[in-house]
Structure formats: structure tokens, C-alpha cells
PDB file of N, CA and C in Angstrom:
ATOM      1  N   MET A   1     -82.519 -62.231  88.156  1.00  0.00           N
ATOM      2  CA  MET A   1     -83.020 -61.688  86.910  1.00  0.00           C
ATOM      3  C   MET A   1     -83.569 -62.819  86.132  1.00  0.00           C
ATOM      4  N   ILE A   2     -84.708 -62.636  85.458  1.00  0.00           N
ATOM      5  CA  ILE A   2     -85.349 -63.591  84.619  1.00  0.00           C
ATOM      6  C   ILE A   2     -85.648 -62.873  83.290  1.00  0.00           C
ATOM      7  N   ILE A   3     -85.282 -63.454  82.180  1.00  0.00           N
ATOM      8  CA  ILE A   3     -85.545 -63.004  80.852  1.00  0.00           C
ATOM      9  C   ILE A   3     -86.312 -64.034  80.129  1.00  0.00           C
ATOM     10  N   ASN A   4     -87.485 -63.715  79.652  1.00  0.00           N
ATOM     11  CA  ASN A   4     -88.316 -64.555  78.782  1.00  0.00           C
ATOM     12  C   ASN A   4     -88.302 -64.046  77.348  1.00  0.00           C
ATOM     13  N   GLN A   5     -88.086 -64.894  76.472  1.00  0.00           N
ATOM     14  CA  GLN A   5     -88.029 -64.551  75.009  1.00  0.00           C
ATOM     15  C   GLN A   5     -89.118 -65.215  74.303  1.00  0.00           C
ATOM     16  N   GLY A   6     -89.874 -64.460  73.486  1.00  0.00           N
ATOM     17  CA  GLY A   6     -90.958 -65.022  72.592  1.00  0.00           C
ATOM     18  C   GLY A   6     -90.333 -65.897  71.477  1.00  0.00           C
ATOM     19  N   THR A   7     -91.173 -66.696  70.898  1.00  0.00           N
ATOM     20  CA  THR A   7     -90.696 -67.529  69.803  1.00  0.00           C
ATOM     21  C   THR A   7     -91.044 -67.017  68.420  1.00  0.00           C
ATOM     22  N   GLY A   8     -91.570 -65.779  68.396  1.00  0.00           N
ATOM     23  CA  GLY A   8     -91.925 -65.177  67.120  1.00  0.00           C
ATOM     24  C   GLY A   8     -92.253 -63.720  67.332  1.00  0.00           C
ATOM     25  N   PHE A   9     -92.475 -62.993  66.253  1.00  0.00           N
ATOM     26  CA  PHE A   9     -92.787 -61.604  66.358  1.00  0.00           C
ATOM     27  C   PHE A   9     -94.071 -61.275  66.988  1.00  0.00           C
ATOM     28  N   TRP A  10     -94.991 -62.261  67.068  1.00  0.00           N
ATOM     29  CA  TRP A  10     -96.349 -62.045  67.626  1.00  0.00           C
ATOM     30  C   TRP A  10     -96.330 -62.084  69.115  1.00  0.00           C
ATOM     31  N   ALA A  11     -95.279 -62.461  69.786  1.00  0.00           N
ATOM     32  CA  ALA A  11     -95.249 -62.497  71.218  1.00  0.00           C
ATOM     33  C   ALA A  11     -95.276 -61.097  71.796  1.00  0.00           C
ATOM     34  N   SER A  12     -96.037 -60.970  72.877  1.00  0.00           N
ATOM     35  CA  SER A  12     -96.202 -59.643  73.529  1.00  0.00           C
ATOM     36  C   SER A  12     -95.210 -59.491  74.662  1.00  0.00           C
ATOM     37  N   PRO A  13     -94.304 -58.407  74.604  1.00  0.00           N
ATOM     38  CA  PRO A  13     -93.345 -58.176  75.694  1.00  0.00           C
ATOM     39  C   PRO A  13     -94.012 -58.059  77.015  1.00  0.00           C
ATOM     40  N   SER A  14     -95.176 -57.442  77.100  1.00  0.00           N
ATOM     41  CA  SER A  14     -95.847 -57.277  78.411  1.00  0.00           C
ATOM     42  C   SER A  14     -96.258 -58.653  78.981  1.00  0.00           C
ATOM     43  N   THR A  15     -96.701 -59.547  78.147  1.00  0.00           N
ATOM     44  CA  THR A  15     -97.041 -60.872  78.556  1.00  0.00           C
ATOM     45  C   THR A  15     -95.782 -61.642  79.032  1.00  0.00           C
ATOM     46  N   LEU A  16     -94.644 -61.419  78.377  1.00  0.00           N
ATOM     47  CA  LEU A  16     -93.424 -62.077  78.760  1.00  0.00           C
ATOM     48  C   LEU A  16     -92.978 -61.576  80.138  1.00  0.00           C
ATOM     49  N   VAL A  17     -93.163 -60.255  80.415  1.00  0.00           N
ATOM     50  CA  VAL A  17     -92.852 -59.716  81.722  1.00  0.00           C
ATOM     51  C   VAL A  17     -93.774 -60.287  82.773  1.00  0.00           C
ATOM     52  N   ALA A  18     -95.049 -60.373  82.476  1.00  0.00           N
ATOM     53  CA  ALA A  18     -95.995 -60.957  83.394  1.00  0.00           C
ATOM     54  C   ALA A  18     -95.615 -62.387  83.812  1.00  0.00           C
ATOM     55  N   ASN A  19     -95.237 -63.124  82.750  1.00  0.00           N
ATOM     56  CA  ASN A  19     -94.826 -64.561  83.021  1.00  0.00           C
ATOM     57  C   ASN A  19     -93.512 -64.576  83.921  1.00  0.00           C
ATOM     58  N   ALA A  20     -92.611 -63.743  83.591  1.00  0.00           N
ATOM     59  CA  ALA A  20     -91.402 -63.641  84.410  1.00  0.00           C
ATOM     60  C   ALA A  20     -91.688 -63.252  85.829  1.00  0.00           C
ATOM     61  N   THR A  21     -92.589 -62.340  86.004  1.00  0.00           N
ATOM     62  CA  THR A  21     -93.017 -61.906  87.339  1.00  0.00           C
ATOM     63  C   THR A  21     -93.586 -63.080  88.134  1.00  0.00           C
ATOM     64  N   ARG A  22     -94.466 -63.771  87.455  1.00  0.00           N
ATOM     65  CA  ARG A  22     -95.076 -64.927  88.121  1.00  0.00           C
ATOM     66  C   ARG A  22     -93.953 -65.988  88.501  1.00  0.00           C
ATOM     67  N   GLU A  23     -93.082 -66.236  87.551  1.00  0.00           N
ATOM     68  CA  GLU A  23     -91.952 -67.137  87.903  1.00  0.00           C
ATOM     69  C   GLU A  23     -91.122 -66.667  89.118  1.00  0.00           C
ATOM     70  N   ALA A  24     -90.848 -65.357  89.095  1.00  0.00           N
ATOM     71  CA  ALA A  24     -90.022 -64.774  90.235  1.00  0.00           C
ATOM     72  C   ALA A  24     -90.867 -64.902  91.543  1.00  0.00           C
ATOM     73  N   GLY A  25     -92.200 -64.674  91.462  1.00  0.00           N
ATOM     74  CA  GLY A  25     -92.989 -64.814  92.636  1.00  0.00           C
ATOM     75  C   GLY A  25     -92.975 -66.218  93.225  1.00  0.00           C
ATOM     76  N   ASN A  26     -93.055 -67.218  92.369  1.00  0.00           N
ATOM     77  CA  ASN A  26     -92.966 -68.583  92.743  1.00  0.00           C
ATOM     78  C   ASN A  26     -91.675 -68.917  93.383  1.00  0.00           C
ATOM     79  N   HIS A  27     -90.618 -68.402  92.760  1.00  0.00           N
ATOM     80  CA  HIS A  27     -89.242 -68.608  93.346  1.00  0.00           C
ATOM     81  C   HIS A  27     -89.155 -68.099  94.758  1.00  0.00           C
ATOM     82  N   CYS A  28     -89.561 -66.854  94.955  1.00  0.00           N
ATOM     83  CA  CYS A  28     -89.550 -66.243  96.307  1.00  0.00           C
ATOM     84  C   CYS A  28     -90.476 -67.006  97.299  1.00  0.00           C
ATOM     85  N   ALA A  29     -91.622 -67.434  96.851  1.00  0.00           N
ATOM     86  CA  ALA A  29     -92.590 -68.086  97.743  1.00  0.00           C
ATOM     87  C   ALA A  29     -91.959 -69.451  98.162  1.00  0.00           C
ATOM     88  N   ASN A  30     -91.210 -70.065  97.310  1.00  0.00           N
ATOM     89  CA  ASN A  30     -90.543 -71.326  97.702  1.00  0.00           C
ATOM     90  C   ASN A  30     -89.485 -71.115  98.774  1.00  0.00           C
ATOM     91  N   GLN A  31     -89.037 -69.904  98.900  1.00  0.00           N
ATOM     92  CA  GLN A  31     -88.067 -69.524  99.942  1.00  0.00           C
ATOM     93  C   GLN A  31     -88.728 -68.876 101.133  1.00  0.00           C
ATOM     94  N   ARG A  32     -90.134 -68.836 101.051  1.00  0.00           N
ATOM     95  CA  ARG A  32     -90.993 -68.192 102.129  1.00  0.00           C
ATOM     96  C   ARG A  32     -90.524 -66.703 102.278  1.00  0.00           C
ATOM     97  N   LYS A  33     -90.374 -66.091 101.138  1.00  0.00           N
ATOM     98  CA  LYS A  33     -90.023 -64.636 101.133  1.00  0.00           C
ATOM     99  C   LYS A  33     -90.908 -63.925 100.159  1.00  0.00           C
ATOM    100  N   GLN A  34     -90.943 -62.612 100.241  1.00  0.00           N
ATOM    101  CA  GLN A  34     -91.728 -61.760  99.412  1.00  0.00           C
ATOM    102  C   GLN A  34     -90.934 -61.253  98.212  1.00  0.00           C
ATOM    103  N   LEU A  35     -91.613 -61.177  97.113  1.00  0.00           N
ATOM    104  CA  LEU A  35     -90.975 -60.717  95.862  1.00  0.00           C
ATOM    105  C   LEU A  35     -90.934 -59.201  95.937  1.00  0.00           C
ATOM    106  N   GLU A  36     -89.773 -58.638  95.598  1.00  0.00           N
ATOM    107  CA  GLU A  36     -89.556 -57.246  95.443  1.00  0.00           C
ATOM    108  C   GLU A  36     -89.050 -56.947  94.055  1.00  0.00           C
ATOM    109  N   ILE A  37     -89.798 -56.288  93.235  1.00  0.00           N
ATOM    110  CA  ILE A  37     -89.361 -56.034  91.821  1.00  0.00           C
ATOM    111  C   ILE A  37     -88.480 -54.816  91.774  1.00  0.00           C
ATOM    112  N   LEU A  38     -87.285 -54.938  91.271  1.00  0.00           N
ATOM    113  CA  LEU A  38     -86.384 -53.791  91.173  1.00  0.00           C
ATOM    114  C   LEU A  38     -86.474 -53.064  89.836  1.00  0.00           C
ATOM    115  N   SER A  39     -86.787 -53.825  88.761  1.00  0.00           N
ATOM    116  CA  SER A  39     -86.950 -53.151  87.499  1.00  0.00           C
ATOM    117  C   SER A  39     -87.573 -54.131  86.439  1.00  0.00           C
ATOM    118  N   THR A  40     -88.210 -53.647  85.427  1.00  0.00           N
ATOM    119  CA  THR A  40     -88.686 -54.491  84.344  1.00  0.00           C
ATOM    120  C   THR A  40     -88.316 -53.737  83.037  1.00  0.00           C
ATOM    121  N   GLN A  41     -88.218 -54.594  82.018  1.00  0.00           N
ATOM    122  CA  GLN A  41     -87.912 -54.010  80.714  1.00  0.00           C
ATOM    123  C   GLN A  41     -88.582 -54.905  79.634  1.00  0.00           C
ATOM    124  N   GLU A  42     -89.183 -54.210  78.689  1.00  0.00           N
ATOM    125  CA  GLU A  42     -89.851 -54.872  77.525  1.00  0.00           C
ATOM    126  C   GLU A  42     -89.029 -54.478  76.275  1.00  0.00           C
ATOM    127  N   ARG A  43     -88.696 -55.552  75.533  1.00  0.00           N
ATOM    128  CA  ARG A  43     -88.031 -55.278  74.251  1.00  0.00           C
ATOM    129  C   ARG A  43     -88.882 -55.865  73.157  1.00  0.00           C
ATOM    130  N   PRO A  44     -89.393 -55.053  72.235  1.00  0.00           N
ATOM    131  CA  PRO A  44     -90.246 -55.527  71.101  1.00  0.00           C
ATOM    132  C   PRO A  44     -89.391 -56.290  70.084  1.00  0.00           C
ATOM    133  N   PHE A  45     -90.074 -56.802  69.099  1.00  0.00           N
ATOM    134  CA  PHE A  45     -89.531 -57.465  67.998  1.00  0.00           C
ATOM    135  C   PHE A  45     -88.456 -56.576  67.304  1.00  0.00           C
ATOM    136  N   GLY A  46     -87.310 -57.115  67.029  1.00  0.00           N
ATOM    137  CA  GLY A  46     -86.291 -56.337  66.385  1.00  0.00           C
ATOM    138  C   GLY A  46     -86.109 -56.680  64.858  1.00  0.00           C
ATOM    139  N   LEU A  47     -85.294 -55.933  64.203  1.00  0.00           N
ATOM    140  CA  LEU A  47     -85.127 -56.082  62.776  1.00  0.00           C
ATOM    141  C   LEU A  47     -84.015 -57.125  62.465  1.00  0.00           C
ATOM    142  N   ARG A  48     -83.091 -57.342  63.450  1.00  0.00           N
ATOM    143  CA  ARG A  48     -82.073 -58.297  63.136  1.00  0.00           C
ATOM    144  C   ARG A  48     -82.546 -59.690  63.398  1.00  0.00           C
ATOM    145  N   PRO A  49     -81.942 -60.706  62.675  1.00  0.00           N
ATOM    146  CA  PRO A  49     -82.333 -62.126  62.868  1.00  0.00           C
ATOM    147  C   PRO A  49     -82.287 -62.584  64.290  1.00  0.00           C
ATOM    148  N   GLY A  50     -83.231 -63.286  64.772  1.00  0.00           N
ATOM    149  CA  GLY A  50     -83.244 -63.848  66.063  1.00  0.00           C
ATOM    150  C   GLY A  50     -83.607 -62.841  67.203  1.00  0.00           C
ATOM    151  N   ALA A  51     -84.021 -61.596  66.819  1.00  0.00           N
ATOM    152  CA  ALA A  51     -84.326 -60.595  67.778  1.00  0.00           C
ATOM    153  C   ALA A  51     -85.836 -60.647  68.082  1.00  0.00           C
ATOM    154  N   TYR A  52     -86.258 -61.656  68.806  1.00  0.00           N
ATOM    155  CA  TYR A  52     -87.624 -61.855  69.108  1.00  0.00           C
ATOM    156  C   TYR A  52     -87.995 -60.996  70.374  1.00  0.00           C
ATOM    157  N   PRO A  53     -89.213 -60.735  70.635  1.00  0.00           N
ATOM    158  CA  PRO A  53     -89.575 -59.906  71.756  1.00  0.00           C
ATOM    159  C   PRO A  53     -89.107 -60.587  73.001  1.00  0.00           C
ATOM    160  N   GLU A  54     -88.783 -59.736  74.032  1.00  0.00           N
ATOM    161  CA  GLU A  54     -88.305 -60.206  75.310  1.00  0.00           C
ATOM    162  C   GLU A  54     -88.955 -59.402  76.397  1.00  0.00           C
ATOM    163  N   GLY A  55     -89.052 -60.037  77.560  1.00  0.00           N
ATOM    164  CA  GLY A  55     -89.497 -59.418  78.737  1.00  0.00           C
ATOM    165  C   GLY A  55     -88.528 -59.736  79.876  1.00  0.00           C
ATOM    166  N   GLU A  56     -88.061 -58.732  80.618  1.00  0.00           N
ATOM    167  CA  GLU A  56     -87.020 -58.958  81.659  1.00  0.00           C
ATOM    168  C   GLU A  56     -87.511 -58.371  82.966  1.00  0.00           C
ATOM    169  N   ILE A  57     -87.236 -59.111  84.013  1.00  0.00           N
ATOM    170  CA  ILE A  57     -87.459 -58.593  85.361  1.00  0.00           C
ATOM    171  C   ILE A  57     -86.295 -58.788  86.214  1.00  0.00           C
ATOM    172  N   ARG A  58     -85.919 -57.757  86.999  1.00  0.00           N
ATOM    173  CA  ARG A  58     -84.906 -57.853  87.944  1.00  0.00           C
ATOM    174  C   ARG A  58     -85.533 -57.724  89.361  1.00  0.00           C
ATOM    175  N   PHE A  59     -85.236 -58.702  90.227  1.00  0.00           N
ATOM    176  CA  PHE A  59     -85.974 -58.782  91.454  1.00  0.00           C
ATOM    177  C   PHE A  59     -85.055 -59.334  92.572  1.00  0.00           C
ATOM    178  N   THR A  60     -85.616 -59.166  93.823  1.00  0.00           N
ATOM    179  CA  THR A  60     -84.980 -59.789  94.915  1.00  0.00           C
ATOM    180  C   THR A  60     -86.070 -60.420  95.780  1.00  0.00           C
ATOM    181  N   CYS A  61     -85.700 -61.296  96.699  1.00  0.00           N
ATOM    182  CA  CYS A  61     -86.606 -61.940  97.585  1.00  0.00           C
ATOM    183  C   CYS A  61     -86.238 -61.460  98.984  1.00  0.00           C
ATOM    184  N   LYS A  62     -87.315 -60.881  99.670  1.00  0.00           N
ATOM    185  CA  LYS A  62     -87.027 -60.405 101.020  1.00  0.00           C
ATOM    186  C   LYS A  62     -87.928 -60.993 102.050  1.00  0.00           C
TER     187      LYS A  62
END
């Protein structure tokens, strides 16, 4: 699992997911395996302090 968190309310959760997917792909490629995405989740800016946008990807390498 990789979770990327933005540094402010302007960060796009979809961009954070895309960055996490790229990172996961690189991780699998280093193992000479293929990326298989199990799930993704986007969390927008929240109202509580420190609740910046997040992008999450759950994956496996096969």
C-alpha cells in the first residue's frame, strides 16, 4: 500500500493516486514483476486540521 498526502488543500487526490501508481509500478519493475492494482481511494481536503488530500493505492506485484 502507498499513501500520498498533499501539502495543502490545492493538491488533487487524483494526481496523488497517479503518483502512487507510478511509484508502485517502479517498485514492481525493480522486482521484474507486473503491477496489479487491487484498489485505489481518493480523499479530498477535510475540515479537521491536518486533513490534507490523500491518494491511496493497494497493489501487489505478480
